[in-house]
Amino acid sequence: MNEPIKTPEGKDLELIAKLTAGARNAMRKVMLRGFNMDVKEEVKIDARPGDAPTYKPQIKSFDFNVLTEEKEQAQIRAAVVKYDGLTDTDQIIARLLEASPEEYDFVVAETDKVLSKVSFT
């Protein structure tokens, strides 16, 4: 756990020092759920008879709500240990949704800093 950070509204925010594999997997699931994907066979000009086909994933569409609000909430669940004395993630999210946009965006930006060190592939 890191030292508490003061938010724009003067609240204490404590973040994890390191993301667990389980939290990373939960975030990956949210991110992948936002994409509608298809797999297409890749056409090779120099293919010979008997060559195994290769396939390439293609994004058909994406759900912007999943890629923003749900992703941000998954980040908060994964990275916030304590906010304004609260430790229950549902209560933390509810409190942040009642806060100013600047406060909410600050917390999300701080979680980005922690999570930017993690590979989601």
PDB file of N, CA and C in Angstrom:
ATOM      1  N   MET A   1       0.841  -1.165   0.000  1.00  0.00           N
ATOM      2  CA  MET A   1       0.000   0.000   0.000  1.00  0.00           C
ATOM      3  C   MET A   1       0.889   1.232   0.000  1.00  0.00           C
ATOM      4  N   ASN A   2       0.466   2.263  -0.696  1.00  0.00           N
ATOM      5  CA  ASN A   2       1.191   3.514  -0.763  1.00  0.00           C
ATOM      6  C   ASN A   2       0.687   4.479   0.300  1.00  0.00           C
ATOM      7  N   GLU A   3       1.415   5.568   0.470  1.00  0.00           N
ATOM      8  CA  GLU A   3       0.984   6.626   1.381  1.00  0.00           C
ATOM      9  C   GLU A   3      -0.297   7.265   0.847  1.00  0.00           C
ATOM     10  N   PRO A   4      -1.174   7.735   1.745  1.00  0.00           N
ATOM     11  CA  PRO A   4      -2.403   8.395   1.279  1.00  0.00           C
ATOM     12  C   PRO A   4      -2.092   9.648   0.452  1.00  0.00           C
ATOM     13  N   ILE A   5      -2.925   9.889  -0.531  1.00  0.00           N
ATOM     14  CA  ILE A   5      -2.833  11.059  -1.406  1.00  0.00           C
ATOM     15  C   ILE A   5      -4.016  11.949  -1.059  1.00  0.00           C
ATOM     16  N   LYS A   6      -3.823  13.251  -1.030  1.00  0.00           N
ATOM     17  CA  LYS A   6      -4.934  14.192  -0.838  1.00  0.00           C
ATOM     18  C   LYS A   6      -5.574  14.475  -2.195  1.00  0.00           C
ATOM     19  N   THR A   7      -6.887  14.345  -2.248  1.00  0.00           N
ATOM     20  CA  THR A   7      -7.628  14.597  -3.482  1.00  0.00           C
ATOM     21  C   THR A   7      -7.977  16.087  -3.560  1.00  0.00           C
ATOM     22  N   PRO A   8      -8.492  16.551  -4.696  1.00  0.00           N
ATOM     23  CA  PRO A   8      -8.887  17.954  -4.819  1.00  0.00           C
ATOM     24  C   PRO A   8      -9.905  18.398  -3.753  1.00  0.00           C
ATOM     25  N   GLU A   9     -10.744  17.480  -3.287  1.00  0.00           N
ATOM     26  CA  GLU A   9     -11.728  17.815  -2.249  1.00  0.00           C
ATOM     27  C   GLU A   9     -11.171  17.595  -0.840  1.00  0.00           C
ATOM     28  N   GLY A  10      -9.859  17.297  -0.735  1.00  0.00           N
ATOM     29  CA  GLY A  10      -9.217  17.148   0.566  1.00  0.00           C
ATOM     30  C   GLY A  10      -9.429  15.802   1.233  1.00  0.00           C
ATOM     31  N   LYS A  11      -9.875  14.836   0.477  1.00  0.00           N
ATOM     32  CA  LYS A  11     -10.101  13.500   1.036  1.00  0.00           C
ATOM     33  C   LYS A  11      -8.834  12.658   0.893  1.00  0.00           C
ATOM     34  N   ASP A  12      -8.674  11.679   1.787  1.00  0.00           N
ATOM     35  CA  ASP A  12      -7.533  10.765   1.698  1.00  0.00           C
ATOM     36  C   ASP A  12      -7.861   9.630   0.738  1.00  0.00           C
ATOM     37  N   LEU A  13      -6.911   9.354  -0.158  1.00  0.00           N
ATOM     38  CA  LEU A  13      -7.024   8.282  -1.135  1.00  0.00           C
ATOM     39  C   LEU A  13      -5.817   7.379  -0.963  1.00  0.00           C
ATOM     40  N   GLU A  14      -6.073   6.085  -0.738  1.00  0.00           N
ATOM     41  CA  GLU A  14      -4.991   5.103  -0.641  1.00  0.00           C
ATOM     42  C   GLU A  14      -5.142   4.107  -1.777  1.00  0.00           C
ATOM     43  N   LEU A  15      -4.034   3.898  -2.482  1.00  0.00           N
ATOM     44  CA  LEU A  15      -4.009   2.990  -3.618  1.00  0.00           C
ATOM     45  C   LEU A  15      -3.120   1.792  -3.321  1.00  0.00           C
ATOM     46  N   ILE A  16      -3.354   0.716  -4.041  1.00  0.00           N
ATOM     47  CA  ILE A  16      -2.497  -0.462  -3.907  1.00  0.00           C
ATOM     48  C   ILE A  16      -1.104  -0.121  -4.423  1.00  0.00           C
ATOM     49  N   ALA A  17      -0.126  -0.826  -3.941  1.00  0.00           N
ATOM     50  CA  ALA A  17       1.237  -0.647  -4.445  1.00  0.00           C
ATOM     51  C   ALA A  17       1.473  -1.514  -5.675  1.00  0.00           C
ATOM     52  N   LYS A  18       0.760  -2.631  -5.731  1.00  0.00           N
ATOM     53  CA  LYS A  18       0.967  -3.593  -6.807  1.00  0.00           C
ATOM     54  C   LYS A  18      -0.358  -4.285  -7.113  1.00  0.00           C
ATOM     55  N   LEU A  19      -0.666  -4.455  -8.371  1.00  0.00           N
ATOM     56  CA  LEU A  19      -1.904  -5.103  -8.789  1.00  0.00           C
ATOM     57  C   LEU A  19      -1.762  -6.618  -8.709  1.00  0.00           C
ATOM     58  N   THR A  20      -2.799  -7.286  -8.202  1.00  0.00           N
ATOM     59  CA  THR A  20      -2.794  -8.749  -8.160  1.00  0.00           C
ATOM     60  C   THR A  20      -3.229  -9.307  -9.517  1.00  0.00           C
ATOM     61  N   ALA A  21      -2.899 -10.547  -9.759  1.00  0.00           N
ATOM     62  CA  ALA A  21      -3.300 -11.204 -11.008  1.00  0.00           C
ATOM     63  C   ALA A  21      -4.824 -11.272 -11.117  1.00  0.00           C
ATOM     64  N   GLY A  22      -5.495 -11.547 -10.006  1.00  0.00           N
ATOM     65  CA  GLY A  22      -6.962 -11.624 -10.026  1.00  0.00           C
ATOM     66  C   GLY A  22      -7.605 -10.303 -10.412  1.00  0.00           C
ATOM     67  N   ALA A  23      -7.098  -9.202  -9.861  1.00  0.00           N
ATOM     68  CA  ALA A  23      -7.631  -7.879 -10.201  1.00  0.00           C
ATOM     69  C   ALA A  23      -7.330  -7.539 -11.659  1.00  0.00           C
ATOM     70  N   ARG A  24      -6.144  -7.901 -12.120  1.00  0.00           N
ATOM     71  CA  ARG A  24      -5.787  -7.674 -13.523  1.00  0.00           C
ATOM     72  C   ARG A  24      -6.729  -8.445 -14.449  1.00  0.00           C
ATOM     73  N   ASN A  25      -7.021  -9.691 -14.092  1.00  0.00           N
ATOM     74  CA  ASN A  25      -7.903 -10.509 -14.920  1.00  0.00           C
ATOM     75  C   ASN A  25      -9.318  -9.952 -14.943  1.00  0.00           C
ATOM     76  N   ALA A  26      -9.792  -9.433 -13.822  1.00  0.00           N
ATOM     77  CA  ALA A  26     -11.127  -8.829 -13.769  1.00  0.00           C
ATOM     78  C   ALA A  26     -11.192  -7.603 -14.675  1.00  0.00           C
ATOM     79  N   MET A  27     -10.133  -6.801 -14.681  1.00  0.00           N
ATOM     80  CA  MET A  27     -10.104  -5.623 -15.560  1.00  0.00           C
ATOM     81  C   MET A  27     -10.027  -6.049 -17.020  1.00  0.00           C
ATOM     82  N   ARG A  28      -9.246  -7.070 -17.310  1.00  0.00           N
ATOM     83  CA  ARG A  28      -9.127  -7.566 -18.685  1.00  0.00           C
ATOM     84  C   ARG A  28     -10.496  -8.021 -19.193  1.00  0.00           C
ATOM     85  N   LYS A  29     -11.253  -8.699 -18.332  1.00  0.00           N
ATOM     86  CA  LYS A  29     -12.578  -9.189 -18.718  1.00  0.00           C
ATOM     87  C   LYS A  29     -13.497  -8.021 -19.098  1.00  0.00           C
ATOM     88  N   VAL A  30     -13.469  -6.945 -18.319  1.00  0.00           N
ATOM     89  CA  VAL A  30     -14.294  -5.772 -18.626  1.00  0.00           C
ATOM     90  C   VAL A  30     -13.875  -5.177 -19.959  1.00  0.00           C
ATOM     91  N   MET A  31     -12.579  -5.044 -20.159  1.00  0.00           N
ATOM     92  CA  MET A  31     -12.090  -4.435 -21.397  1.00  0.00           C
ATOM     93  C   MET A  31     -12.453  -5.287 -22.614  1.00  0.00           C
ATOM     94  N   LEU A  32     -12.294  -6.596 -22.515  1.00  0.00           N
ATOM     95  CA  LEU A  32     -12.615  -7.464 -23.649  1.00  0.00           C
ATOM     96  C   LEU A  32     -14.109  -7.508 -23.928  1.00  0.00           C
ATOM     97  N   ARG A  33     -14.915  -7.379 -22.871  1.00  0.00           N
ATOM     98  CA  ARG A  33     -16.367  -7.390 -23.051  1.00  0.00           C
ATOM     99  C   ARG A  33     -16.840  -6.188 -23.867  1.00  0.00           C
ATOM    100  N   GLY A  34     -16.046  -5.129 -23.876  1.00  0.00           N
ATOM    101  CA  GLY A  34     -16.432  -3.926 -24.617  1.00  0.00           C
ATOM    102  C   GLY A  34     -16.272  -4.039 -26.117  1.00  0.00           C
ATOM    103  N   PHE A  35     -15.580  -5.077 -26.573  1.00  0.00           N
ATOM    104  CA  PHE A  35     -15.331  -5.233 -28.004  1.00  0.00           C
ATOM    105  C   PHE A  35     -16.152  -6.372 -28.581  1.00  0.00           C
ATOM    106  N   ASN A  36     -16.730  -6.154 -29.758  1.00  0.00           N
ATOM    107  CA  ASN A  36     -17.386  -7.205 -30.528  1.00  0.00           C
ATOM    108  C   ASN A  36     -16.395  -7.573 -31.620  1.00  0.00           C
ATOM    109  N   MET A  37     -15.836  -8.785 -31.512  1.00  0.00           N
ATOM    110  CA  MET A  37     -14.758  -9.176 -32.411  1.00  0.00           C
ATOM    111  C   MET A  37     -15.178 -10.311 -33.322  1.00  0.00           C
ATOM    112  N   ASP A  38     -14.472 -10.394 -34.420  1.00  0.00           N
ATOM    113  CA  ASP A  38     -14.674 -11.457 -35.393  1.00  0.00           C
ATOM    114  C   ASP A  38     -13.289 -11.946 -35.807  1.00  0.00           C
ATOM    115  N   VAL A  39     -13.210 -13.153 -36.287  1.00  0.00           N
ATOM    116  CA  VAL A  39     -11.941 -13.691 -36.754  1.00  0.00           C
ATOM    117  C   VAL A  39     -12.086 -13.979 -38.245  1.00  0.00           C
ATOM    118  N   LYS A  40     -11.173 -13.418 -39.016  1.00  0.00           N
ATOM    119  CA  LYS A  40     -11.190 -13.601 -40.478  1.00  0.00           C
ATOM    120  C   LYS A  40      -9.933 -14.338 -40.902  1.00  0.00           C
ATOM    121  N   GLU A  41     -10.100 -15.150 -41.927  1.00  0.00           N
ATOM    122  CA  GLU A  41      -8.924 -15.828 -42.478  1.00  0.00           C
ATOM    123  C   GLU A  41      -8.096 -14.800 -43.232  1.00  0.00           C
ATOM    124  N   GLU A  42      -6.800 -14.814 -42.967  1.00  0.00           N
ATOM    125  CA  GLU A  42      -5.895 -13.885 -43.633  1.00  0.00           C
ATOM    126  C   GLU A  42      -5.470 -14.499 -44.957  1.00  0.00           C
ATOM    127  N   VAL A  43      -5.624 -13.749 -46.017  1.00  0.00           N
ATOM    128  CA  VAL A  43      -5.264 -14.239 -47.341  1.00  0.00           C
ATOM    129  C   VAL A  43      -3.778 -13.970 -47.560  1.00  0.00           C
ATOM    130  N   LYS A  44      -3.064 -15.045 -47.912  1.00  0.00           N
ATOM    131  CA  LYS A  44      -1.632 -14.912 -48.191  1.00  0.00           C
ATOM    132  C   LYS A  44      -1.415 -15.063 -49.688  1.00  0.00           C
ATOM    133  N   ILE A  45      -0.730 -14.119 -50.244  1.00  0.00           N
ATOM    134  CA  ILE A  45      -0.462 -14.162 -51.687  1.00  0.00           C
ATOM    135  C   ILE A  45       0.494 -15.300 -52.025  1.00  0.00           C
ATOM    136  N   ASP A  46       1.456 -15.549 -51.138  1.00  0.00           N
ATOM    137  CA  ASP A  46       2.468 -16.564 -51.423  1.00  0.00           C
ATOM    138  C   ASP A  46       2.138 -17.926 -50.798  1.00  0.00           C
ATOM    139  N   ALA A  47       0.886 -18.153 -50.450  1.00  0.00           N
ATOM    140  CA  ALA A  47       0.489 -19.429 -49.831  1.00  0.00           C
ATOM    141  C   ALA A  47       0.590 -20.563 -50.847  1.00  0.00           C
ATOM    142  N   ARG A  48       1.029 -21.707 -50.338  1.00  0.00           N
ATOM    143  CA  ARG A  48       1.128 -22.900 -51.181  1.00  0.00           C
ATOM    144  C   ARG A  48       0.068 -23.905 -50.741  1.00  0.00           C
ATOM    145  N   PRO A  49      -0.310 -24.801 -51.606  1.00  0.00           N
ATOM    146  CA  PRO A  49      -1.283 -25.823 -51.200  1.00  0.00           C
ATOM    147  C   PRO A  49      -0.758 -26.588 -49.983  1.00  0.00           C
ATOM    148  N   GLY A  50      -1.622 -26.789 -49.026  1.00  0.00           N
ATOM    149  CA  GLY A  50      -1.252 -27.515 -47.821  1.00  0.00           C
ATOM    150  C   GLY A  50      -0.793 -26.611 -46.685  1.00  0.00           C
ATOM    151  N   ASP A  51      -0.531 -25.324 -46.969  1.00  0.00           N
ATOM    152  CA  ASP A  51      -0.168 -24.384 -45.900  1.00  0.00           C
ATOM    153  C   ASP A  51      -1.362 -24.210 -44.964  1.00  0.00           C
ATOM    154  N   ALA A  52      -1.074 -24.145 -43.694  1.00  0.00           N
ATOM    155  CA  ALA A  52      -2.144 -23.919 -42.718  1.00  0.00           C
ATOM    156  C   ALA A  52      -2.645 -22.478 -42.841  1.00  0.00           C
ATOM    157  N   PRO A  53      -3.955 -22.294 -42.774  1.00  0.00           N
ATOM    158  CA  PRO A  53      -4.480 -20.930 -42.849  1.00  0.00           C
ATOM    159  C   PRO A  53      -4.121 -20.146 -41.586  1.00  0.00           C
ATOM    160  N   THR A  54      -4.029 -18.854 -41.737  1.00  0.00           N
ATOM    161  CA  THR A  54      -3.814 -17.988 -40.573  1.00  0.00           C
ATOM    162  C   THR A  54      -5.053 -17.114 -40.407  1.00  0.00           C
ATOM    163  N   TYR A  55      -5.328 -16.805 -39.171  1.00  0.00           N
ATOM    164  CA  TYR A  55      -6.522 -16.028 -38.868  1.00  0.00           C
ATOM    165  C   TYR A  55      -6.130 -14.760 -38.124  1.00  0.00           C
ATOM    166  N   LYS A  56      -6.885 -13.713 -38.366  1.00  0.00           N
ATOM    167  CA  LYS A  56      -6.587 -12.419 -37.771  1.00  0.00           C
ATOM    168  C   LYS A  56      -7.863 -11.881 -37.115  1.00  0.00           C
ATOM    169  N   PRO A  57      -7.781 -11.485 -35.834  1.00  0.00           N
ATOM    170  CA  PRO A  57      -8.966 -10.910 -35.193  1.00  0.00           C
ATOM    171  C   PRO A  57      -9.252  -9.507 -35.735  1.00  0.00           C
ATOM    172  N   GLN A  58     -10.524  -9.193 -35.840  1.00  0.00           N
ATOM    173  CA  GLN A  58     -10.939  -7.873 -36.285  1.00  0.00           C
ATOM    174  C   GLN A  58     -12.005  -7.344 -35.341  1.00  0.00           C
ATOM    175  N   ILE A  59     -11.908  -6.089 -34.992  1.00  0.00           N
ATOM    176  CA  ILE A  59     -12.927  -5.452 -34.146  1.00  0.00           C
ATOM    177  C   ILE A  59     -14.071  -5.023 -35.052  1.00  0.00           C
ATOM    178  N   LYS A  60     -15.258  -5.574 -34.770  1.00  0.00           N
ATOM    179  CA  LYS A  60     -16.445  -5.215 -35.545  1.00  0.00           C
ATOM    180  C   LYS A  60     -17.089  -3.958 -34.983  1.00  0.00           C
ATOM    181  N   SER A  61     -17.153  -3.879 -33.648  1.00  0.00           N
ATOM    182  CA  SER A  61     -17.729  -2.706 -32.986  1.00  0.00           C
ATOM    183  C   SER A  61     -17.270  -2.712 -31.533  1.00  0.00           C
ATOM    184  N   PHE A  62     -17.542  -1.625 -30.841  1.00  0.00           N
ATOM    185  CA  PHE A  62     -17.226  -1.585 -29.415  1.00  0.00           C
ATOM    186  C   PHE A  62     -18.297  -0.814 -28.674  1.00  0.00           C
ATOM    187  N   ASP A  63     -18.443  -1.146 -27.402  1.00  0.00           N
ATOM    188  CA  ASP A  63     -19.427  -0.507 -26.530  1.00  0.00           C
ATOM    189  C   ASP A  63     -18.705   0.559 -25.726  1.00  0.00           C
ATOM    190  N   PHE A  64     -18.949   1.820 -26.078  1.00  0.00           N
ATOM    191  CA  PHE A  64     -18.245   2.932 -25.436  1.00  0.00           C
ATOM    192  C   PHE A  64     -18.508   2.981 -23.937  1.00  0.00           C
ATOM    193  N   ASN A  65     -19.718   2.623 -23.499  1.00  0.00           N
ATOM    194  CA  ASN A  65     -20.044   2.614 -22.070  1.00  0.00           C
ATOM    195  C   ASN A  65     -19.153   1.639 -21.311  1.00  0.00           C
ATOM    196  N   VAL A  66     -18.946   0.457 -21.860  1.00  0.00           N
ATOM    197  CA  VAL A  66     -18.093  -0.538 -21.208  1.00  0.00           C
ATOM    198  C   VAL A  66     -16.657  -0.029 -21.159  1.00  0.00           C
ATOM    199  N   LEU A  67     -16.226   0.612 -22.245  1.00  0.00           N
ATOM    200  CA  LEU A  67     -14.843   1.063 -22.327  1.00  0.00           C
ATOM    201  C   LEU A  67     -14.579   2.349 -21.536  1.00  0.00           C
ATOM    202  N   THR A  68     -15.592   2.959 -20.976  1.00  0.00           N
ATOM    203  CA  THR A  68     -15.365   4.145 -20.150  1.00  0.00           C
ATOM    204  C   THR A  68     -15.834   3.886 -18.728  1.00  0.00           C
ATOM    205  N   GLU A  69     -17.131   4.002 -18.491  1.00  0.00           N
ATOM    206  CA  GLU A  69     -17.656   3.922 -17.122  1.00  0.00           C
ATOM    207  C   GLU A  69     -17.331   2.590 -16.438  1.00  0.00           C
ATOM    208  N   GLU A  70     -17.609   1.478 -17.103  1.00  0.00           N
ATOM    209  CA  GLU A  70     -17.348   0.183 -16.476  1.00  0.00           C
ATOM    210  C   GLU A  70     -15.846  -0.054 -16.290  1.00  0.00           C
ATOM    211  N   LYS A  71     -15.047   0.405 -17.240  1.00  0.00           N
ATOM    212  CA  LYS A  71     -13.593   0.274 -17.117  1.00  0.00           C
ATOM    213  C   LYS A  71     -13.092   1.108 -15.936  1.00  0.00           C
ATOM    214  N   GLU A  72     -13.579   2.338 -15.811  1.00  0.00           N
ATOM    215  CA  GLU A  72     -13.164   3.193 -14.698  1.00  0.00           C
ATOM    216  C   GLU A  72     -13.554   2.580 -13.358  1.00  0.00           C
ATOM    217  N   GLN A  73     -14.753   2.042 -13.279  1.00  0.00           N
ATOM    218  CA  GLN A  73     -15.177   1.418 -12.030  1.00  0.00           C
ATOM    219  C   GLN A  73     -14.358   0.169 -11.729  1.00  0.00           C
ATOM    220  N   ALA A  74     -13.986  -0.580 -12.762  1.00  0.00           N
ATOM    221  CA  ALA A  74     -13.120  -1.747 -12.556  1.00  0.00           C
ATOM    222  C   ALA A  74     -11.742  -1.296 -12.064  1.00  0.00           C
ATOM    223  N   GLN A  75     -11.254  -0.180 -12.577  1.00  0.00           N
ATOM    224  CA  GLN A  75      -9.983   0.376 -12.112  1.00  0.00           C
ATOM    225  C   GLN A  75     -10.065   0.740 -10.639  1.00  0.00           C
ATOM    226  N   ILE A  76     -11.149   1.394 -10.264  1.00  0.00           N
ATOM    227  CA  ILE A  76     -11.327   1.801  -8.863  1.00  0.00           C
ATOM    228  C   ILE A  76     -11.372   0.561  -7.979  1.00  0.00           C
ATOM    229  N   ARG A  77     -12.134  -0.445  -8.400  1.00  0.00           N
ATOM    230  CA  ARG A  77     -12.206  -1.690  -7.617  1.00  0.00           C
ATOM    231  C   ARG A  77     -10.830  -2.334  -7.470  1.00  0.00           C
ATOM    232  N   ALA A  78     -10.033  -2.276  -8.523  1.00  0.00           N
ATOM    233  CA  ALA A  78      -8.731  -2.942  -8.519  1.00  0.00           C
ATOM    234  C   ALA A  78      -7.665  -2.167  -7.753  1.00  0.00           C
ATOM    235  N   ALA A  79      -7.718  -0.843  -7.794  1.00  0.00           N
ATOM    236  CA  ALA A  79      -6.573  -0.060  -7.312  1.00  0.00           C
ATOM    237  C   ALA A  79      -6.810   0.727  -6.029  1.00  0.00           C
ATOM    238  N   VAL A  80      -8.065   1.042  -5.692  1.00  0.00           N
ATOM    239  CA  VAL A  80      -8.311   1.877  -4.507  1.00  0.00           C
ATOM    240  C   VAL A  80      -8.475   0.990  -3.277  1.00  0.00           C
ATOM    241  N   VAL A  81      -7.647   1.244  -2.275  1.00  0.00           N
ATOM    242  CA  VAL A  81      -7.715   0.516  -1.009  1.00  0.00           C
ATOM    243  C   VAL A  81      -8.662   1.233  -0.055  1.00  0.00           C
ATOM    244  N   LYS A  82      -8.561   2.575  -0.026  1.00  0.00           N
ATOM    245  CA  LYS A  82      -9.386   3.362   0.883  1.00  0.00           C
ATOM    246  C   LYS A  82      -9.606   4.744   0.288  1.00  0.00           C
ATOM    247  N   TYR A  83     -10.837   5.241   0.428  1.00  0.00           N
ATOM    248  CA  TYR A  83     -11.172   6.592  -0.015  1.00  0.00           C
ATOM    249  C   TYR A  83     -12.082   7.224   1.027  1.00  0.00           C
ATOM    250  N   ASP A  84     -11.672   8.351   1.548  1.00  0.00           N
ATOM    251  CA  ASP A  84     -12.467   9.094   2.526  1.00  0.00           C
ATOM    252  C   ASP A  84     -12.907   8.195   3.694  1.00  0.00           C
ATOM    253  N   GLY A  85     -12.020   7.312   4.121  1.00  0.00           N
ATOM    254  CA  GLY A  85     -12.298   6.418   5.237  1.00  0.00           C
ATOM    255  C   GLY A  85     -13.052   5.157   4.868  1.00  0.00           C
ATOM    256  N   LEU A  86     -13.496   5.041   3.627  1.00  0.00           N
ATOM    257  CA  LEU A  86     -14.259   3.869   3.176  1.00  0.00           C
ATOM    258  C   LEU A  86     -13.318   2.821   2.592  1.00  0.00           C
ATOM    259  N   THR A  87     -13.616   1.545   2.860  1.00  0.00           N
ATOM    260  CA  THR A  87     -12.835   0.457   2.273  1.00  0.00           C
ATOM    261  C   THR A  87     -13.675  -0.458   1.378  1.00  0.00           C
ATOM    262  N   ASP A  88     -14.993  -0.381   1.478  1.00  0.00           N
ATOM    263  CA  ASP A  88     -15.881  -1.178   0.632  1.00  0.00           C
ATOM    264  C   ASP A  88     -15.948  -0.538  -0.751  1.00  0.00           C
ATOM    265  N   THR A  89     -15.599  -1.301  -1.797  1.00  0.00           N
ATOM    266  CA  THR A  89     -15.509  -0.706  -3.133  1.00  0.00           C
ATOM    267  C   THR A  89     -16.845  -0.182  -3.655  1.00  0.00           C
ATOM    268  N   ASP A  90     -17.944  -0.846  -3.329  1.00  0.00           N
ATOM    269  CA  ASP A  90     -19.250  -0.335  -3.762  1.00  0.00           C
ATOM    270  C   ASP A  90     -19.535   1.023  -3.124  1.00  0.00           C
ATOM    271  N   GLN A  91     -19.201   1.173  -1.852  1.00  0.00           N
ATOM    272  CA  GLN A  91     -19.394   2.452  -1.173  1.00  0.00           C
ATOM    273  C   GLN A  91     -18.452   3.520  -1.726  1.00  0.00           C
ATOM    274  N   ILE A  92     -17.224   3.125  -2.045  1.00  0.00           N
ATOM    275  CA  ILE A  92     -16.264   4.071  -2.620  1.00  0.00           C
ATOM    276  C   ILE A  92     -16.782   4.591  -3.962  1.00  0.00           C
ATOM    277  N   ILE A  93     -17.234   3.692  -4.812  1.00  0.00           N
ATOM    278  CA  ILE A  93     -17.756   4.100  -6.118  1.00  0.00           C
ATOM    279  C   ILE A  93     -18.979   4.999  -5.954  1.00  0.00           C
ATOM    280  N   ALA A  94     -19.887   4.633  -5.052  1.00  0.00           N
ATOM    281  CA  ALA A  94     -21.074   5.469  -4.811  1.00  0.00           C
ATOM    282  C   ALA A  94     -20.669   6.866  -4.345  1.00  0.00           C
ATOM    283  N   ARG A  95     -19.705   6.952  -3.442  1.00  0.00           N
ATOM    284  CA  ARG A  95     -19.239   8.251  -2.935  1.00  0.00           C
ATOM    285  C   ARG A  95     -18.603   9.075  -4.059  1.00  0.00           C
ATOM    286  N   LEU A  96     -17.805   8.405  -4.893  1.00  0.00           N
ATOM    287  CA  LEU A  96     -17.166   9.116  -5.998  1.00  0.00           C
ATOM    288  C   LEU A  96     -18.177   9.605  -7.036  1.00  0.00           C
ATOM    289  N   LEU A  97     -19.219   8.826  -7.266  1.00  0.00           N
ATOM    290  CA  LEU A  97     -20.252   9.246  -8.218  1.00  0.00           C
ATOM    291  C   LEU A  97     -21.055  10.441  -7.700  1.00  0.00           C
ATOM    292  N   GLU A  98     -21.039  10.646  -6.397  1.00  0.00           N
ATOM    293  CA  GLU A  98     -21.700  11.814  -5.802  1.00  0.00           C
ATOM    294  C   GLU A  98     -20.752  13.009  -5.693  1.00  0.00           C
ATOM    295  N   ALA A  99     -19.465  12.782  -5.926  1.00  0.00           N
ATOM    296  CA  ALA A  99     -18.461  13.840  -5.821  1.00  0.00           C
ATOM    297  C   ALA A  99     -18.448  14.686  -7.100  1.00  0.00           C
ATOM    298  N   SER A 100     -17.607  15.694  -7.088  1.00  0.00           N
ATOM    299  CA  SER A 100     -17.467  16.546  -8.279  1.00  0.00           C
ATOM    300  C   SER A 100     -16.775  15.766  -9.398  1.00  0.00           C
ATOM    301  N   PRO A 101     -16.993  16.175 -10.650  1.00  0.00           N
ATOM    302  CA  PRO A 101     -16.288  15.517 -11.753  1.00  0.00           C
ATOM    303  C   PRO A 101     -14.766  15.596 -11.585  1.00  0.00           C
ATOM    304  N   GLU A 102     -14.272  16.698 -11.044  1.00  0.00           N
ATOM    305  CA  GLU A 102     -12.831  16.844 -10.837  1.00  0.00           C
ATOM    306  C   GLU A 102     -12.308  15.804  -9.848  1.00  0.00           C
ATOM    307  N   GLU A 103     -13.070  15.560  -8.784  1.00  0.00           N
ATOM    308  CA  GLU A 103     -12.678  14.570  -7.778  1.00  0.00           C
ATOM    309  C   GLU A 103     -12.661  13.167  -8.391  1.00  0.00           C
ATOM    310  N   TYR A 104     -13.730  12.822  -9.093  1.00  0.00           N
ATOM    311  CA  TYR A 104     -13.831  11.509  -9.740  1.00  0.00           C
ATOM    312  C   TYR A 104     -12.690  11.318 -10.737  1.00  0.00           C
ATOM    313  N   ASP A 105     -12.483  12.323 -11.600  1.00  0.00           N
ATOM    314  CA  ASP A 105     -11.437  12.223 -12.618  1.00  0.00           C
ATOM    315  C   ASP A 105     -10.045  12.131 -11.992  1.00  0.00           C
ATOM    316  N   PHE A 106      -9.835  12.816 -10.873  1.00  0.00           N
ATOM    317  CA  PHE A 106      -8.554  12.741 -10.172  1.00  0.00           C
ATOM    318  C   PHE A 106      -8.288  11.310  -9.702  1.00  0.00           C
ATOM    319  N   VAL A 107      -9.289  10.691  -9.098  1.00  0.00           N
ATOM    320  CA  VAL A 107      -9.127   9.323  -8.594  1.00  0.00           C
ATOM    321  C   VAL A 107      -8.855   8.362  -9.755  1.00  0.00           C
ATOM    322  N   VAL A 108      -9.593   8.503 -10.848  1.00  0.00           N
ATOM    323  CA  VAL A 108      -9.371   7.645 -12.011  1.00  0.00           C
ATOM    324  C   VAL A 108      -7.951   7.856 -12.561  1.00  0.00           C
ATOM    325  N   ALA A 109      -7.500   9.102 -12.627  1.00  0.00           N
ATOM    326  CA  ALA A 109      -6.144   9.386 -13.124  1.00  0.00           C
ATOM    327  C   ALA A 109      -5.085   8.755 -12.217  1.00  0.00           C
ATOM    328  N   GLU A 110      -5.311   8.788 -10.906  1.00  0.00           N
ATOM    329  CA  GLU A 110      -4.364   8.164  -9.977  1.00  0.00           C
ATOM    330  C   GLU A 110      -4.345   6.640 -10.137  1.00  0.00           C
ATOM    331  N   THR A 111      -5.515   6.052 -10.392  1.00  0.00           N
ATOM    332  CA  THR A 111      -5.536   4.603 -10.630  1.00  0.00           C
ATOM    333  C   THR A 111      -4.831   4.275 -11.944  1.00  0.00           C
ATOM    334  N   ASP A 112      -4.954   5.165 -12.929  1.00  0.00           N
ATOM    335  CA  ASP A 112      -4.237   4.969 -14.196  1.00  0.00           C
ATOM    336  C   ASP A 112      -2.735   4.854 -13.968  1.00  0.00           C
ATOM    337  N   LYS A 113      -2.208   5.679 -13.066  1.00  0.00           N
ATOM    338  CA  LYS A 113      -0.766   5.664 -12.781  1.00  0.00           C
ATOM    339  C   LYS A 113      -0.327   4.300 -12.240  1.00  0.00           C
ATOM    340  N   VAL A 114      -1.138   3.721 -11.357  1.00  0.00           N
ATOM    341  CA  VAL A 114      -0.810   2.409 -10.792  1.00  0.00           C
ATOM    342  C   VAL A 114      -0.943   1.331 -11.859  1.00  0.00           C
ATOM    343  N   LEU A 115      -2.029   1.401 -12.621  1.00  0.00           N
ATOM    344  CA  LEU A 115      -2.329   0.336 -13.571  1.00  0.00           C
ATOM    345  C   LEU A 115      -1.527   0.435 -14.855  1.00  0.00           C
ATOM    346  N   SER A 116      -0.924   1.580 -15.139  1.00  0.00           N
ATOM    347  CA  SER A 116      -0.131   1.728 -16.369  1.00  0.00           C
ATOM    348  C   SER A 116       1.115   0.853 -16.346  1.00  0.00           C
ATOM    349  N   LYS A 117       1.474   0.347 -15.176  1.00  0.00           N
ATOM    350  CA  LYS A 117       2.649  -0.513 -15.049  1.00  0.00           C
ATOM    351  C   LYS A 117       2.329  -1.981 -15.348  1.00  0.00           C
ATOM    352  N   VAL A 118       1.056  -2.273 -15.671  1.00  0.00           N
ATOM    353  CA  VAL A 118       0.603  -3.654 -15.831  1.00  0.00           C
ATOM    354  C   VAL A 118       0.263  -3.936 -17.285  1.00  0.00           C
ATOM    355  N   SER A 119       0.643  -5.110 -17.777  1.00  0.00           N
ATOM    356  CA  SER A 119       0.281  -5.536 -19.118  1.00  0.00           C
ATOM    357  C   SER A 119      -1.058  -6.277 -19.053  1.00  0.00           C
ATOM    358  N   PHE A 120      -1.986  -5.911 -19.926  1.00  0.00           N
ATOM    359  CA  PHE A 120      -3.297  -6.565 -19.961  1.00  0.00           C
ATOM    360  C   PHE A 120      -3.413  -7.541 -21.123  1.00  0.00           C
ATOM    361  N   THR A 121      -2.313  -7.843 -21.772  1.00  0.00           N
ATOM    362  CA  THR A 121      -2.367  -8.763 -22.914  1.00  0.00           C
ATOM    363  C   THR A 121      -2.133 -10.187 -22.455  1.00  0.00           C
TER     364      THR A 121
END
